[in-house]
C-alpha atoms as a PDB file:
ATOM      1  CA  MET A   1      99.372  76.295 105.422  1.00  0.00           C
ATOM      2  CA  ALA A   2      98.665  72.736 104.301  1.00  0.00           C
ATOM      3  CA  THR A   3     100.406  69.504 105.239  1.00  0.00           C
ATOM      4  CA  ARG A   4     100.379  66.205 103.394  1.00  0.00           C
ATOM      5  CA  THR A   5     100.865  62.673 104.678  1.00  0.00           C
ATOM      6  CA  LEU A   6     103.522  61.026 102.521  1.00  0.00           C
ATOM      7  CA  ALA A   7     103.624  57.343 101.635  1.00  0.00           C
ATOM      8  CA  LEU A   8     106.711  56.683 103.739  1.00  0.00           C
ATOM      9  CA  ALA A   9     107.455  54.437 106.695  1.00  0.00           C
ATOM     10  CA  CYS A  10     105.938  55.755 109.941  1.00  0.00           C
ATOM     11  CA  LEU A  11     103.654  58.109 107.967  1.00  0.00           C
ATOM     12  CA  LEU A  12     106.126  60.995 107.867  1.00  0.00           C
ATOM     13  CA  VAL A  13     104.470  64.392 107.484  1.00  0.00           C
ATOM     14  CA  LEU A  14     106.214  67.411 106.005  1.00  0.00           C
ATOM     15  CA  ALA A  15     105.177  70.740 107.436  1.00  0.00           C
ATOM     16  CA  GLY A  16     106.118  73.897 105.628  1.00  0.00           C
ATOM     17  CA  CYS A  17     106.018  77.575 106.482  1.00  0.00           C
ATOM     18  CA  THR A  18     104.682  79.728 103.667  1.00  0.00           C
ATOM     19  CA  THR A  19     106.247  82.725 102.020  1.00  0.00           C
ATOM     20  CA  PRO A  20     106.452  86.135 103.644  1.00  0.00           C
ATOM     21  CA  LEU A  21     103.242  88.047 103.945  1.00  0.00           C
ATOM     22  CA  ASP A  22     104.820  91.086 102.284  1.00  0.00           C
ATOM     23  CA  PRO A  23     103.575  94.257 103.927  1.00  0.00           C
ATOM     24  CA  THR A  24     102.380  96.846 101.454  1.00  0.00           C
ATOM     25  CA  ALA A  25     103.027 100.548 101.680  1.00  0.00           C
ATOM     26  CA  GLY A  26     101.725 103.606  99.891  1.00  0.00           C
ATOM     27  CA  THR A  27     103.226 107.044  99.426  1.00  0.00           C
ATOM     28  CA  PRO A  28     101.168 109.951  98.054  1.00  0.00           C
ATOM     29  CA  THR A  29     103.137 112.704  96.268  1.00  0.00           C
ATOM     30  CA  ALA A  30     101.681 115.948  94.962  1.00  0.00           C
ATOM     31  CA  VAL A  31     102.656 118.754  92.613  1.00  0.00           C
ATOM     32  CA  PRO A  32     100.541 121.860  91.841  1.00  0.00           C
ATOM     33  CA  ALA A  33      99.807 122.816  88.277  1.00  0.00           C
ATOM     34  CA  ASP A  34     103.161 124.635  88.084  1.00  0.00           C
ATOM     35  CA  GLY A  35     104.797 123.875  91.477  1.00  0.00           C
ATOM     36  CA  PRO A  36     106.810 121.717  93.949  1.00  0.00           C
ATOM     37  CA  VAL A  37     106.419 118.286  95.577  1.00  0.00           C
ATOM     38  CA  SER A  38     105.661 116.897  99.073  1.00  0.00           C
ATOM     39  CA  THR A  39     105.485 113.312 100.395  1.00  0.00           C
ATOM     40  CA  ALA A  40     103.981 111.195 103.192  1.00  0.00           C
ATOM     41  CA  GLY A  41     103.922 107.460 104.013  1.00  0.00           C
ATOM     42  CA  THR A  42     102.117 104.663 105.875  1.00  0.00           C
ATOM     43  CA  THR A  43     103.236 101.811 108.129  1.00  0.00           C
ATOM     44  CA  PRO A  44     101.741  98.253 108.113  1.00  0.00           C
ATOM     45  CA  THR A  45     100.850  96.324 111.275  1.00  0.00           C
ATOM     46  CA  ALA A  46     100.393  92.638 112.128  1.00  0.00           C
ATOM     47  CA  SER A  47      98.465  90.778 114.852  1.00  0.00           C
ATOM     48  CA  THR A  48      99.142  87.634 116.881  1.00  0.00           C
ATOM     49  CA  PRO A  49      96.363  85.018 117.375  1.00  0.00           C
ATOM     50  CA  THR A  50      95.590  83.472 120.786  1.00  0.00           C
ATOM     51  CA  ASP A  51      97.568  80.385 121.914  1.00  0.00           C
ATOM     52  CA  ARG A  52      95.959  76.946 121.899  1.00  0.00           C
ATOM     53  CA  PRO A  53      96.847  73.776 123.851  1.00  0.00           C
ATOM     54  CA  PRO A  54      99.970  71.889 122.676  1.00  0.00           C
ATOM     55  CA  THR A  55      99.941  68.751 120.550  1.00  0.00           C
ATOM     56  CA  ALA A  56     103.204  67.353 121.932  1.00  0.00           C
ATOM     57  CA  THR A  57     102.727  64.731 124.659  1.00  0.00           C
ATOM     58  CA  PRO A  58     104.604  65.134 127.987  1.00  0.00           C
ATOM     59  CA  SER A  59     107.696  62.901 128.249  1.00  0.00           C
ATOM     60  CA  ALA A  60     107.429  62.030 124.553  1.00  0.00           C
ATOM     61  CA  ASN A  61     110.533  63.639 123.067  1.00  0.00           C
ATOM     62  CA  PRO A  62     110.778  61.889 119.672  1.00  0.00           C
ATOM     63  CA  TRP A  63     114.581  62.301 119.782  1.00  0.00           C
ATOM     64  CA  GLY A  64     115.092  60.606 123.133  1.00  0.00           C
ATOM     65  CA  ASP A  65     117.035  61.945 126.111  1.00  0.00           C
ATOM     66  CA  GLU A  66     120.425  62.596 124.487  1.00  0.00           C
ATOM     67  CA  PRO A  67     121.383  66.000 123.062  1.00  0.00           C
ATOM     68  CA  ILE A  68     120.271  66.472 119.460  1.00  0.00           C
ATOM     69  CA  VAL A  69     123.375  67.041 117.325  1.00  0.00           C
ATOM     70  CA  VAL A  70     122.596  69.692 114.728  1.00  0.00           C
ATOM     71  CA  ALA A  71     124.681  70.304 111.621  1.00  0.00           C
ATOM     72  CA  VAL A  72     124.320  73.470 109.549  1.00  0.00           C
ATOM     73  CA  ARG A  73     124.599  73.370 105.771  1.00  0.00           C
ATOM     74  CA  ASN A  74     124.691  76.437 103.533  1.00  0.00           C
ATOM     75  CA  GLU A  75     123.515  75.170 100.152  1.00  0.00           C
ATOM     76  CA  GLY A  76     122.562  78.614  98.822  1.00  0.00           C
ATOM     77  CA  SER A  77     124.291  81.512  97.143  1.00  0.00           C
ATOM     78  CA  ARG A  78     124.668  83.789 100.188  1.00  0.00           C
ATOM     79  CA  ASP A  79     127.745  83.852 102.420  1.00  0.00           C
ATOM     80  CA  ARG A  80     126.199  84.230 105.885  1.00  0.00           C
ATOM     81  CA  ASP A  81     126.859  82.994 109.415  1.00  0.00           C
ATOM     82  CA  PHE A  82     123.801  80.770 109.647  1.00  0.00           C
ATOM     83  CA  ALA A  83     125.236  78.747 112.548  1.00  0.00           C
ATOM     84  CA  ALA A  84     124.805  81.669 114.949  1.00  0.00           C
ATOM     85  CA  LEU A  85     121.147  81.987 113.913  1.00  0.00           C
ATOM     86  CA  VAL A  86     120.571  78.247 114.368  1.00  0.00           C
ATOM     87  CA  ARG A  87     122.063  78.457 117.868  1.00  0.00           C
ATOM     88  CA  GLU A  88     119.616  81.228 118.699  1.00  0.00           C
ATOM     89  CA  ALA A  89     116.719  79.119 117.445  1.00  0.00           C
ATOM     90  CA  THR A  90     117.781  75.987 119.355  1.00  0.00           C
ATOM     91  CA  ALA A  91     118.207  78.037 122.541  1.00  0.00           C
ATOM     92  CA  PHE A  92     114.572  79.100 122.220  1.00  0.00           C
ATOM     93  CA  TRP A  93     113.363  75.485 122.423  1.00  0.00           C
ATOM     94  CA  GLU A  94     115.833  74.531 125.149  1.00  0.00           C
ATOM     95  CA  GLU A  95     114.160  77.202 127.253  1.00  0.00           C
ATOM     96  CA  GLY A  96     110.667  76.386 125.965  1.00  0.00           C
ATOM     97  CA  SER A  97     109.842  73.056 127.611  1.00  0.00           C
ATOM     98  CA  ARG A  98     106.487  74.531 128.743  1.00  0.00           C
ATOM     99  CA  TYR A  99     105.373  74.420 125.118  1.00  0.00           C
ATOM    100  CA  LEU A 100     106.633  70.889 124.533  1.00  0.00           C
ATOM    101  CA  GLY A 101     105.849  68.967 127.700  1.00  0.00           C
ATOM    102  CA  PHE A 102     109.450  67.657 127.784  1.00  0.00           C
ATOM    103  CA  ASP A 103     113.002  68.974 127.974  1.00  0.00           C
ATOM    104  CA  VAL A 104     115.193  69.170 124.905  1.00  0.00           C
ATOM    105  CA  GLU A 105     118.915  69.829 124.527  1.00  0.00           C
ATOM    106  CA  TYR A 106     120.804  70.669 121.341  1.00  0.00           C
ATOM    107  CA  GLU A 107     124.446  70.496 120.359  1.00  0.00           C
ATOM    108  CA  VAL A 108     125.021  72.692 117.318  1.00  0.00           C
ATOM    109  CA  ARG A 109     128.092  71.481 115.451  1.00  0.00           C
ATOM    110  CA  PRO A 110     127.930  73.058 111.972  1.00  0.00           C
ATOM    111  CA  ASP A 111     130.318  70.533 110.374  1.00  0.00           C
ATOM    112  CA  ALA A 112     129.153  67.424 112.239  1.00  0.00           C
ATOM    113  CA  GLU A 113     129.700  64.342 110.072  1.00  0.00           C
ATOM    114  CA  ASP A 114     127.057  62.180 111.734  1.00  0.00           C
ATOM    115  CA  PRO A 115     124.364  64.595 112.986  1.00  0.00           C
ATOM    116  CA  ASP A 116     120.869  63.827 114.176  1.00  0.00           C
ATOM    117  CA  LEU A 117     119.439  66.824 112.361  1.00  0.00           C
ATOM    118  CA  ILE A 118     120.643  69.036 109.504  1.00  0.00           C
ATOM    119  CA  VAL A 119     119.389  72.582 109.151  1.00  0.00           C
ATOM    120  CA  ALA A 120     119.966  73.296 105.467  1.00  0.00           C
ATOM    121  CA  PHE A 121     119.800  76.835 104.084  1.00  0.00           C
ATOM    122  CA  THR A 122     118.840  76.952 100.436  1.00  0.00           C
ATOM    123  CA  ASP A 123     117.777  79.493  97.818  1.00  0.00           C
ATOM    124  CA  GLU A 124     114.733  77.382  96.945  1.00  0.00           C
ATOM    125  CA  ILE A 125     112.882  75.052  99.309  1.00  0.00           C
ATOM    126  CA  PRO A 126     112.590  71.459  97.994  1.00  0.00           C
ATOM    127  CA  ASP A 127     109.195  69.852  97.533  1.00  0.00           C
ATOM    128  CA  CYS A 128     107.217  70.373 100.739  1.00  0.00           C
ATOM    129  CA  GLY A 129     103.976  68.503 100.338  1.00  0.00           C
ATOM    130  CA  ASP A 130     101.492  70.711  98.493  1.00  0.00           C
ATOM    131  CA  VAL A 131     103.018  73.998  99.648  1.00  0.00           C
ATOM    132  CA  SER A 132     104.486  75.728  96.603  1.00  0.00           C
ATOM    133  CA  ASP A 133     105.681  78.986  98.179  1.00  0.00           C
ATOM    134  CA  ALA A 134     107.409  77.792 101.348  1.00  0.00           C
ATOM    135  CA  VAL A 135     110.214  79.632 103.121  1.00  0.00           C
ATOM    136  CA  GLY A 136     110.862  76.613 105.338  1.00  0.00           C
ATOM    137  CA  CYS A 137     110.051  72.923 105.515  1.00  0.00           C
ATOM    138  CA  ALA A 138     110.646  70.142 108.047  1.00  0.00           C
ATOM    139  CA  PRO A 139     109.277  66.713 108.984  1.00  0.00           C
ATOM    140  CA  LEU A 140     106.558  66.673 111.646  1.00  0.00           C
ATOM    141  CA  LEU A 141     107.941  64.165 114.169  1.00  0.00           C
ATOM    142  CA  THR A 142     105.689  63.004 116.997  1.00  0.00           C
ATOM    143  CA  ASP A 143     107.133  59.541 117.674  1.00  0.00           C
ATOM    144  CA  SER A 144     110.683  58.187 117.941  1.00  0.00           C
ATOM    145  CA  ARG A 145     109.865  55.585 115.274  1.00  0.00           C
ATOM    146  CA  GLN A 146     109.485  58.397 112.734  1.00  0.00           C
ATOM    147  CA  VAL A 147     113.039  59.677 113.225  1.00  0.00           C
ATOM    148  CA  ASP A 148     115.410  58.592 110.461  1.00  0.00           C
ATOM    149  CA  ARG A 149     118.749  60.227 111.281  1.00  0.00           C
ATOM    150  CA  PRO A 150     119.843  62.557 109.891  1.00  0.00           C
ATOM    151  CA  GLU A 151     116.577  64.391 109.422  1.00  0.00           C
ATOM    152  CA  THR A 152     116.658  67.674 107.486  1.00  0.00           C
ATOM    153  CA  ALA A 153     114.904  70.993 108.018  1.00  0.00           C
ATOM    154  CA  TRP A 154     115.132  73.534 105.187  1.00  0.00           C
ATOM    155  CA  VAL A 155     115.134  77.333 105.505  1.00  0.00           C
ATOM    156  CA  LYS A 156     115.417  79.933 102.734  1.00  0.00           C
ATOM    157  CA  THR A 157     118.617  81.948 102.568  1.00  0.00           C
ATOM    158  CA  ASP A 158     117.279  85.405 101.727  1.00  0.00           C
ATOM    159  CA  LEU A 159     115.449  86.266 104.958  1.00  0.00           C
ATOM    160  CA  SER A 160     116.593  88.852 107.462  1.00  0.00           C
ATOM    161  CA  ASP A 161     118.397  87.552 110.556  1.00  0.00           C
ATOM    162  CA  GLU A 162     115.291  87.970 112.722  1.00  0.00           C
ATOM    163  CA  SER A 163     113.032  86.211 110.209  1.00  0.00           C
ATOM    164  CA  THR A 164     115.642  83.462 109.660  1.00  0.00           C
ATOM    165  CA  VAL A 165     115.608  82.726 113.393  1.00  0.00           C
ATOM    166  CA  LEU A 166     111.798  82.717 113.438  1.00  0.00           C
ATOM    167  CA  VAL A 167     111.503  80.293 110.509  1.00  0.00           C
ATOM    168  CA  THR A 168     114.221  78.049 111.988  1.00  0.00           C
ATOM    169  CA  GLU A 169     112.373  78.011 115.341  1.00  0.00           C
ATOM    170  CA  HIS A 170     109.180  77.157 113.455  1.00  0.00           C
ATOM    171  CA  GLU A 171     110.747  74.237 111.592  1.00  0.00           C
ATOM    172  CA  LEU A 172     112.494  72.924 114.717  1.00  0.00           C
ATOM    173  CA  GLY A 173     109.088  73.034 116.399  1.00  0.00           C
ATOM    174  CA  HIS A 174     107.778  70.628 113.776  1.00  0.00           C
ATOM    175  CA  THR A 175     110.674  68.248 114.434  1.00  0.00           C
ATOM    176  CA  LEU A 176     109.638  68.310 118.111  1.00  0.00           C
ATOM    177  CA  GLY A 177     106.045  67.363 117.346  1.00  0.00           C
ATOM    178  CA  LEU A 178     104.324  70.744 117.218  1.00  0.00           C
ATOM    179  CA  THR A 179     101.804  71.678 114.525  1.00  0.00           C
ATOM    180  CA  HIS A 180     100.547  75.023 113.278  1.00  0.00           C
ATOM    181  CA  ASP A 181      97.775  74.941 115.895  1.00  0.00           C
ATOM    182  CA  ASP A 182     100.160  74.720 118.845  1.00  0.00           C
ATOM    183  CA  PRO A 183     101.666  77.422 121.017  1.00  0.00           C
ATOM    184  CA  PRO A 184     103.652  79.545 120.956  1.00  0.00           C
ATOM    185  CA  ARG A 185     101.453  80.924 118.216  1.00  0.00           C
ATOM    186  CA  ASP A 186     103.866  83.705 117.284  1.00  0.00           C
ATOM    187  CA  VAL A 187     106.314  80.937 116.276  1.00  0.00           C
ATOM    188  CA  MET A 188     104.155  78.028 115.125  1.00  0.00           C
ATOM    189  CA  ARG A 189     101.345  79.702 113.193  1.00  0.00           C
ATOM    190  CA  ALA A 190     101.356  78.820 109.498  1.00  0.00           C
ATOM    191  CA  ARG A 191     101.732  82.378 108.217  1.00  0.00           C
ATOM    192  CA  SER A 192     103.798  85.203 109.682  1.00  0.00           C
ATOM    193  CA  VAL A 193     105.035  88.602 108.622  1.00  0.00           C
ATOM    194  CA  LEU A 194     108.594  87.889 107.476  1.00  0.00           C
ATOM    195  CA  TYR A 195     111.242  90.168 106.069  1.00  0.00           C
ATOM    196  CA  THR A 196     114.076  89.637 103.632  1.00  0.00           C
ATOM    197  CA  GLU A 197     117.633  90.851 103.850  1.00  0.00           C
ATOM    198  CA  PRO A 198     117.942  94.571 103.004  1.00  0.00           C
ATOM    199  CA  GLN A 199     117.006  95.374  99.411  1.00  0.00           C
ATOM    200  CA  PRO A 200     117.304  98.568  97.326  1.00  0.00           C
ATOM    201  CA  ASN A 201     114.273 100.810  97.725  1.00  0.00           C
ATOM    202  CA  ALA A 202     112.134 101.651  94.702  1.00  0.00           C
ATOM    203  CA  THR A 203     113.643 105.143  94.709  1.00  0.00           C
ATOM    204  CA  GLU A 204     117.112 103.578  94.386  1.00  0.00           C
ATOM    205  CA  ARG A 205     116.269 101.296  91.470  1.00  0.00           C
ATOM    206  CA  ALA A 206     116.697 102.215  87.820  1.00  0.00           C
ATOM    207  CA  PHE A 207     113.299 100.614  87.138  1.00  0.00           C
ATOM    208  CA  PRO A 208     111.204  99.858  90.237  1.00  0.00           C
ATOM    209  CA  TRP A 209     108.702  97.454  88.637  1.00  0.00           C
ATOM    210  CA  ALA A 210     108.649  93.701  88.097  1.00  0.00           C
ATOM    211  CA  ASP A 211     108.175  94.097  84.321  1.00  0.00           C
ATOM    212  CA  ALA A 212     107.601  96.723  81.631  1.00  0.00           C
ATOM    213  CA  ASP A 213     104.049  95.720  80.646  1.00  0.00           C
ATOM    214  CA  PHE A 214     101.351  97.892  82.235  1.00  0.00           C
ATOM    215  CA  THR A 215      97.598  97.932  82.445  1.00  0.00           C
ATOM    216  CA  VAL A 216      96.104 101.446  82.467  1.00  0.00           C
ATOM    217  CA  ARG A 217      92.684 102.604  83.565  1.00  0.00           C
ATOM    218  CA  VAL A 218      91.512 106.136  82.801  1.00  0.00           C
ATOM    219  CA  ASP A 219      88.597 107.286  84.980  1.00  0.00           C
ATOM    220  CA  ALA A 220      87.593 110.462  83.157  1.00  0.00           C
ATOM    221  CA  ALA A 221      84.098 110.742  84.621  1.00  0.00           C
ATOM    222  CA  ASN A 222      85.000 113.943  86.501  1.00  0.00           C
ATOM    223  CA  ALA A 223      87.062 115.498  83.713  1.00  0.00           C
ATOM    224  CA  SER A 224      85.697 118.695  82.151  1.00  0.00           C
ATOM    225  CA  ASP A 225      86.212 117.143  78.696  1.00  0.00           C
ATOM    226  CA  PRO A 226      86.374 113.331  79.062  1.00  0.00           C
ATOM    227  CA  ALA A 227      87.100 112.660  75.389  1.00  0.00           C
ATOM    228  CA  GLY A 228      89.798 115.318  75.250  1.00  0.00           C
ATOM    229  CA  ALA A 229      91.316 114.077  78.504  1.00  0.00           C
ATOM    230  CA  ARG A 230      91.525 110.522  77.181  1.00  0.00           C
ATOM    231  CA  SER A 231      93.192 111.801  74.018  1.00  0.00           C
ATOM    232  CA  GLN A 232      95.771 113.648  76.111  1.00  0.00           C
ATOM    233  CA  VAL A 233      96.474 110.504  78.152  1.00  0.00           C
ATOM    234  CA  ASP A 234      96.947 108.571  74.906  1.00  0.00           C
ATOM    235  CA  HIS A 235      99.588 111.104  73.812  1.00  0.00           C
ATOM    236  CA  ALA A 236     101.503 110.526  77.071  1.00  0.00           C
ATOM    237  CA  LEU A 237     101.344 106.734  76.807  1.00  0.00           C
ATOM    238  CA  THR A 238     102.389 106.737  73.151  1.00  0.00           C
ATOM    239  CA  TYR A 239     105.310 109.013  74.039  1.00  0.00           C
ATOM    240  CA  TYR A 240     106.677 106.373  76.433  1.00  0.00           C
ATOM    241  CA  GLU A 241     105.996 103.501  74.035  1.00  0.00           C
ATOM    242  CA  ASP A 242     108.320 105.296  71.588  1.00  0.00           C
ATOM    243  CA  ASP A 243     111.296 104.909  73.993  1.00  0.00           C
ATOM    244  CA  PRO A 244     112.055 108.541  74.978  1.00  0.00           C
ATOM    245  CA  PRO A 245     115.621 109.349  76.107  1.00  0.00           C
ATOM    246  CA  GLY A 246     116.568 108.226  79.596  1.00  0.00           C
ATOM    247  CA  MET A 247     113.496 106.040  80.028  1.00  0.00           C
ATOM    248  CA  PRO A 248     113.193 102.221  80.062  1.00  0.00           C
ATOM    249  CA  THR A 249     112.687 100.735  76.622  1.00  0.00           C
ATOM    250  CA  ASN A 250     109.927  98.420  75.408  1.00  0.00           C
ATOM    251  CA  LEU A 251     107.253  99.841  77.720  1.00  0.00           C
ATOM    252  CA  THR A 252     103.755  98.678  76.789  1.00  0.00           C
ATOM    253  CA  PHE A 253     100.325  99.847  77.962  1.00  0.00           C
ATOM    254  CA  GLU A 254      97.064  97.953  77.819  1.00  0.00           C
ATOM    255  CA  ARG A 255      93.924 100.007  78.402  1.00  0.00           C
ATOM    256  CA  THR A 256      91.353  98.443  80.709  1.00  0.00           C
ATOM    257  CA  ASP A 257      88.204  99.332  82.650  1.00  0.00           C
ATOM    258  CA  ALA A 258      89.176  96.937  85.452  1.00  0.00           C
ATOM    259  CA  ASP A 259      91.736  97.336  88.229  1.00  0.00           C
ATOM    260  CA  ALA A 260      95.032  98.435  86.725  1.00  0.00           C
ATOM    261  CA  GLU A 261      98.651  99.060  87.618  1.00  0.00           C
ATOM    262  CA  VAL A 262      98.272 102.659  86.465  1.00  0.00           C
ATOM    263  CA  LEU A 263      95.089 104.506  87.443  1.00  0.00           C
ATOM    264  CA  ILE A 264      94.519 108.009  86.036  1.00  0.00           C
ATOM    265  CA  ARG A 265      91.595 109.859  87.573  1.00  0.00           C
ATOM    266  CA  PHE A 266      90.184 113.389  87.762  1.00  0.00           C
ATOM    267  CA  GLY A 267      88.979 115.431  90.715  1.00  0.00           C
ATOM    268  CA  PRO A 268      90.254 115.969  94.272  1.00  0.00           C
ATOM    269  CA  THR A 269      90.664 113.032  96.676  1.00  0.00           C
ATOM    270  CA  ALA A 270      91.586 112.702 100.350  1.00  0.00           C
ATOM    271  CA  ASP A 271      95.263 112.511  99.346  1.00  0.00           C
ATOM    272  CA  CYS A 272      95.118 115.122  96.593  1.00  0.00           C
ATOM    273  CA  ARG A 273      93.225 118.261  97.529  1.00  0.00           C
ATOM    274  CA  ALA A 274      95.062 120.718  95.278  1.00  0.00           C
ATOM    275  CA  SER A 275      92.865 123.415  93.745  1.00  0.00           C
ATOM    276  CA  SER A 276      94.807 123.001  90.499  1.00  0.00           C
ATOM    277  CA  GLY A 277      97.533 120.467  89.866  1.00  0.00           C
ATOM    278  CA  SER A 278      98.253 116.755  90.087  1.00  0.00           C
ATOM    279  CA  CYS A 279      99.364 114.049  92.514  1.00  0.00           C
ATOM    280  CA  ILE A 280     100.738 110.536  92.372  1.00  0.00           C
ATOM    281  CA  GLY A 281     100.269 107.739  94.874  1.00  0.00           C
ATOM    282  CA  THR A 282     102.859 104.953  94.658  1.00  0.00           C
ATOM    283  CA  TYR A 283     102.065 101.562  96.154  1.00  0.00           C
ATOM    284  CA  GLY A 284     104.067  98.371  96.455  1.00  0.00           C
ATOM    285  CA  THR A 285     105.730  95.831  98.696  1.00  0.00           C
ATOM    286  CA  ASP A 286     108.192  96.334 101.536  1.00  0.00           C
ATOM    287  CA  PRO A 287     109.761  92.862 101.857  1.00  0.00           C
ATOM    288  CA  ASP A 288     112.724  93.969 103.970  1.00  0.00           C
ATOM    289  CA  GLY A 289     110.539  95.868 106.456  1.00  0.00           C
ATOM    290  CA  ASP A 290     112.457  99.155 106.345  1.00  0.00           C
ATOM    291  CA  GLY A 291     109.319 101.244 105.876  1.00  0.00           C
ATOM    292  CA  ALA A 292     110.059 102.027 102.218  1.00  0.00           C
ATOM    293  CA  ILE A 293     108.643 100.436  99.069  1.00  0.00           C
ATOM    294  CA  GLU A 294     111.101  98.154  97.249  1.00  0.00           C
ATOM    295  CA  THR A 295     109.005  97.401  94.144  1.00  0.00           C
ATOM    296  CA  TYR A 296     105.985  99.295  92.844  1.00  0.00           C
ATOM    297  CA  THR A 297     102.846  97.339  92.082  1.00  0.00           C
ATOM    298  CA  ARG A 298     100.435 100.219  91.417  1.00  0.00           C
ATOM    299  CA  VAL A 299     100.378 103.994  90.900  1.00  0.00           C
ATOM    300  CA  GLU A 300      97.467 106.407  90.987  1.00  0.00           C
ATOM    301  CA  ILE A 301      97.742 109.716  89.118  1.00  0.00           C
ATOM    302  CA  THR A 302      95.147 112.286  90.193  1.00  0.00           C
ATOM    303  CA  LEU A 303      94.472 115.427  88.137  1.00  0.00           C
ATOM    304  CA  VAL A 304      92.647 118.323  89.775  1.00  0.00           C
ATOM    305  CA  GLY A 305      91.302 121.456  88.091  1.00  0.00           C
ATOM    306  CA  LEU A 306      93.521 121.229  85.001  1.00  0.00           C
ATOM    307  CA  ASP A 307      92.485 122.503  81.599  1.00  0.00           C
ATOM    308  CA  THR A 308      92.396 119.710  79.066  1.00  0.00           C
ATOM    309  CA  GLU A 309      95.515 120.834  77.163  1.00  0.00           C
ATOM    310  CA  ALA A 310      97.672 120.317  80.281  1.00  0.00           C
ATOM    311  CA  VAL A 311      96.443 116.800  81.115  1.00  0.00           C
ATOM    312  CA  GLY A 312      98.928 114.913  78.941  1.00  0.00           C
ATOM    313  CA  TRP A 313     101.947 116.768  80.351  1.00  0.00           C
ATOM    314  CA  HIS A 314     100.984 116.045  83.982  1.00  0.00           C
ATOM    315  CA  VAL A 315     100.382 112.367  83.182  1.00  0.00           C
ATOM    316  CA  GLY A 316     103.723 112.179  81.372  1.00  0.00           C
ATOM    317  CA  TYR A 317     105.518 113.924  84.251  1.00  0.00           C
ATOM    318  CA  TRP A 318     104.262 111.398  86.814  1.00  0.00           C
ATOM    319  CA  LEU A 319     104.879 108.408  84.576  1.00  0.00           C
ATOM    320  CA  ALA A 320     108.553 109.422  84.416  1.00  0.00           C
ATOM    321  CA  HIS A 321     108.514 109.576  88.222  1.00  0.00           C
ATOM    322  CA  ALA A 322     106.939 106.110  88.406  1.00  0.00           C
ATOM    323  CA  PHE A 323     109.481 104.665  85.972  1.00  0.00           C
ATOM    324  CA  GLY A 324     112.426 105.673  88.161  1.00  0.00           C
ATOM    325  CA  ALA A 325     113.118 109.326  87.261  1.00  0.00           C
ATOM    326  CA  GLU A 326     112.083 110.947  90.523  1.00  0.00           C
ATOM    327  CA  GLU A 327     114.308 114.010  90.144  1.00  0.00           C
ATOM    328  CA  ASP A 328     113.327 116.467  87.415  1.00  0.00           C
ATOM    329  CA  GLU A 329     116.826 116.452  85.911  1.00  0.00           C
ATOM    330  CA  GLU A 330     116.424 112.684  85.348  1.00  0.00           C
ATOM    331  CA  LYS A 331     113.167 113.050  83.434  1.00  0.00           C
ATOM    332  CA  PRO A 332     112.932 113.377  79.626  1.00  0.00           C
ATOM    333  CA  PRO A 333     113.434 116.955  78.314  1.00  0.00           C
ATOM    334  CA  PRO A 334     109.718 117.935  78.059  1.00  0.00           C
ATOM    335  CA  PHE A 335     109.403 117.616  81.861  1.00  0.00           C
ATOM    336  CA  ARG A 336     112.394 119.756  82.839  1.00  0.00           C
ATOM    337  CA  ASP A 337     111.661 123.409  83.704  1.00  0.00           C
ATOM    338  CA  ALA A 338     108.504 123.410  81.581  1.00  0.00           C
ATOM    339  CA  SER A 339     106.553 126.672  81.505  1.00  0.00           C
ATOM    340  CA  GLY A 340     102.773 126.797  81.561  1.00  0.00           C
ATOM    341  CA  ARG A 341     102.845 127.272  77.782  1.00  0.00           C
ATOM    342  CA  ASP A 342     105.166 124.274  77.367  1.00  0.00           C
ATOM    343  CA  ARG A 343     102.807 122.116  79.422  1.00  0.00           C
ATOM    344  CA  ARG A 344      99.928 122.962  77.117  1.00  0.00           C
ATOM    345  CA  SER A 345     101.866 122.448  73.883  1.00  0.00           C
ATOM    346  CA  ALA A 346     102.242 119.346  71.681  1.00  0.00           C
ATOM    347  CA  TRP A 347     105.304 118.385  73.773  1.00  0.00           C
ATOM    348  CA  TRP A 348     105.040 114.724  72.740  1.00  0.00           C
ATOM    349  CA  ALA A 349     105.682 115.446  69.042  1.00  0.00           C
END
């Protein structure tokens, strides 16, 4: 997190809190050459750095000895009870004088006409120094001469209740003189794991990707017939570029030898040990922290022990899965109840 000294009276500093460190999750899914599916998942973790001495000076409350009157403004598009969350955040600092070196008292009056401080909830954080992806922003106040009532602290509207309280505590800490190097580190550090309000999971979305343009890497080194395997993959990709029924339209695929959103590889892996068949690993972000992916960012299709003529069908089957058709009845016709002969036919024609 960076801060910038602005050319204002008293050298006001804006301190922002950056965007959520979105946890990522991956889910491997497998299907034999002619068989069923199983799934498994992973859970992300986060760590807390060690506390460091405070910056705030004892008996140097920049707001003085009177209660700080806090107004709450909802300037965003969500209808939420932000006042209750602000009260929770102010209570934290009222009980946290050990971090500040002085006592502080708040009076949260959401509609106060002449407040000392406004906590404004907004869909987009205004300019916050050189921080472009902030979820919160507030002035860093270390001296009473810096306070120009009413001061404003901004917090994004789309965070979960717990993360909203954390960001509000963080920004209030700045208005009390604390920097990102000060304790409590779980509140004041520049980056934290934050979660949004609940969002639809990838499995609940019609199209679980940010856009319809994909990079594709084919690692055919372990294929029995690399040239034939690549040709089969091309048939599957062309099939989807031609807008098959029930699938998203205007899909595009760019072949690459670098990292790609779609990786197609051959041979068993730790997550795909089938003697004959295929697997998919889906990876993406979990911004609401519910343990499920909300948006895919990458898929890996692994083909094991397949004859070349079946490669295209297995790739096409898993692409339908990745594009939102997880159930077989939702997939295009070639991937519903296909026999072994069907899988080795020119199904894309």
